[in-house]
Amino acid sequence: MAKYKAKTNKACEKRFKKTASGKFLVKQAGVKHLNAKMRSKTKRRLGGHTVVNDAYTKRLADLLPHA
C-alpha cells in the first residue's frame, strides 16, 4: 500500500497563521469597504488579527499539517 504525503491547503496557508502555542490567527473581517461611517476606534480594532474559535482549530490543523 502506498503512503501519501500530507499536503498543505494553499488557501488556508494564505489566510491563517499558527502561533507558538498552537492557536491560529486570522485577519479581522469587515474593513475592506463601507468604512467611512465607522469610528476611528472601530477601524483600528479591525486592523489587527484575531484568534480563531476553538471549534475550527482541529480542522485547521488538518488543513495545515506543516504549519
C-alpha atoms as a PDB file:
ATOM      1  CA  MET A   1       0.000   0.000   0.000  1.00  0.00           C
ATOM      2  CA  ALA A   2       1.335   3.437  -0.934  1.00  0.00           C
ATOM      3  CA  LYS A   3       1.858   6.097   1.673  1.00  0.00           C
ATOM      4  CA  TYR A   4       0.661   9.583   0.919  1.00  0.00           C
ATOM      5  CA  LYS A   5       2.148  12.891   1.956  1.00  0.00           C
ATOM      6  CA  ALA A   6       0.062  15.289   3.981  1.00  0.00           C
ATOM      7  CA  LYS A   7      -0.433  18.292   1.699  1.00  0.00           C
ATOM      8  CA  THR A   8      -0.961  21.852   2.848  1.00  0.00           C
ATOM      9  CA  ASN A   9      -4.139  23.603   1.764  1.00  0.00           C
ATOM     10  CA  LYS A  10      -2.791  26.682  -0.033  1.00  0.00           C
ATOM     11  CA  ALA A  11      -5.910  28.801   0.510  1.00  0.00           C
ATOM     12  CA  CYS A  12      -5.660  28.290   4.273  1.00  0.00           C
ATOM     13  CA  GLU A  13      -1.923  28.845   4.234  1.00  0.00           C
ATOM     14  CA  LYS A  14      -2.513  32.342   2.853  1.00  0.00           C
ATOM     15  CA  ARG A  15      -5.218  33.236   5.377  1.00  0.00           C
ATOM     16  CA  PHE A  16      -4.170  31.677   8.678  1.00  0.00           C
ATOM     17  CA  LYS A  17      -1.044  31.789  10.817  1.00  0.00           C
ATOM     18  CA  LYS A  18      -0.191  29.362  13.598  1.00  0.00           C
ATOM     19  CA  THR A  19       1.140  30.739  16.869  1.00  0.00           C
ATOM     20  CA  ALA A  20       3.742  29.107  19.106  1.00  0.00           C
ATOM     21  CA  SER A  21       1.022  27.927  21.496  1.00  0.00           C
ATOM     22  CA  GLY A  22      -0.846  26.143  18.682  1.00  0.00           C
ATOM     23  CA  LYS A  23      -3.647  28.637  18.148  1.00  0.00           C
ATOM     24  CA  PHE A  24      -4.467  30.120  14.751  1.00  0.00           C
ATOM     25  CA  LEU A  25      -4.679  33.799  13.862  1.00  0.00           C
ATOM     26  CA  VAL A  26      -6.791  35.275  11.071  1.00  0.00           C
ATOM     27  CA  LYS A  27      -7.212  38.828   9.774  1.00  0.00           C
ATOM     28  CA  GLN A  28     -10.242  40.582  11.191  1.00  0.00           C
ATOM     29  CA  ALA A  29     -13.098  40.884   8.696  1.00  0.00           C
ATOM     30  CA  GLY A  30     -15.116  43.954   7.753  1.00  0.00           C
ATOM     31  CA  VAL A  31     -12.542  46.601   6.895  1.00  0.00           C
ATOM     32  CA  LYS A  32     -12.319  46.434   3.081  1.00  0.00           C
ATOM     33  CA  HIS A  33     -15.023  48.956   2.164  1.00  0.00           C
ATOM     34  CA  LEU A  34     -18.006  50.880   3.574  1.00  0.00           C
ATOM     35  CA  ASN A  35     -15.853  52.135   6.429  1.00  0.00           C
ATOM     36  CA  ALA A  36     -16.382  55.874   6.050  1.00  0.00           C
ATOM     37  CA  LYS A  37     -19.206  55.612   8.564  1.00  0.00           C
ATOM     38  CA  MET A  38     -17.049  53.746  11.099  1.00  0.00           C
ATOM     39  CA  ARG A  39     -15.434  55.391  14.074  1.00  0.00           C
ATOM     40  CA  SER A  40     -11.647  55.526  14.086  1.00  0.00           C
ATOM     41  CA  LYS A  41     -11.620  53.262  17.125  1.00  0.00           C
ATOM     42  CA  THR A  42     -13.561  50.604  15.236  1.00  0.00           C
ATOM     43  CA  LYS A  43     -11.218  50.737  12.249  1.00  0.00           C
ATOM     44  CA  ARG A  44      -8.166  50.411  14.496  1.00  0.00           C
ATOM     45  CA  ARG A  45      -9.707  47.390  16.187  1.00  0.00           C
ATOM     46  CA  LEU A  46     -10.415  45.740  12.839  1.00  0.00           C
ATOM     47  CA  GLY A  47      -6.869  46.377  11.639  1.00  0.00           C
ATOM     48  CA  GLY A  48      -5.259  43.572  13.594  1.00  0.00           C
ATOM     49  CA  HIS A  49      -5.599  39.815  13.828  1.00  0.00           C
ATOM     50  CA  THR A  50      -7.933  37.727  15.955  1.00  0.00           C
ATOM     51  CA  VAL A  51      -7.712  34.202  17.355  1.00  0.00           C
ATOM     52  CA  VAL A  52      -9.768  31.549  15.559  1.00  0.00           C
ATOM     53  CA  ASN A  53     -12.520  29.860  17.543  1.00  0.00           C
ATOM     54  CA  ASP A  54     -11.530  26.554  19.190  1.00  0.00           C
ATOM     55  CA  ALA A  55     -14.221  24.718  17.194  1.00  0.00           C
ATOM     56  CA  TYR A  56     -12.176  25.260  14.000  1.00  0.00           C
ATOM     57  CA  THR A  57      -8.702  24.624  15.413  1.00  0.00           C
ATOM     58  CA  LYS A  58      -8.686  20.865  14.726  1.00  0.00           C
ATOM     59  CA  ARG A  59      -9.937  21.365  11.184  1.00  0.00           C
ATOM     60  CA  LEU A  60      -7.238  23.963  10.505  1.00  0.00           C
ATOM     61  CA  ALA A  61      -4.596  21.663  11.964  1.00  0.00           C
ATOM     62  CA  ASP A  62      -5.614  19.041   9.387  1.00  0.00           C
ATOM     63  CA  LEU A  63      -5.511  21.565   6.541  1.00  0.00           C
ATOM     64  CA  LEU A  64      -2.130  22.955   7.631  1.00  0.00           C
ATOM     65  CA  PRO A  65      -0.099  19.917   8.709  1.00  0.00           C
ATOM     66  CA  HIS A  66       3.288  21.632   8.365  1.00  0.00           C
ATOM     67  CA  ALA A  67       2.371  24.970   9.966  1.00  0.00           C
END
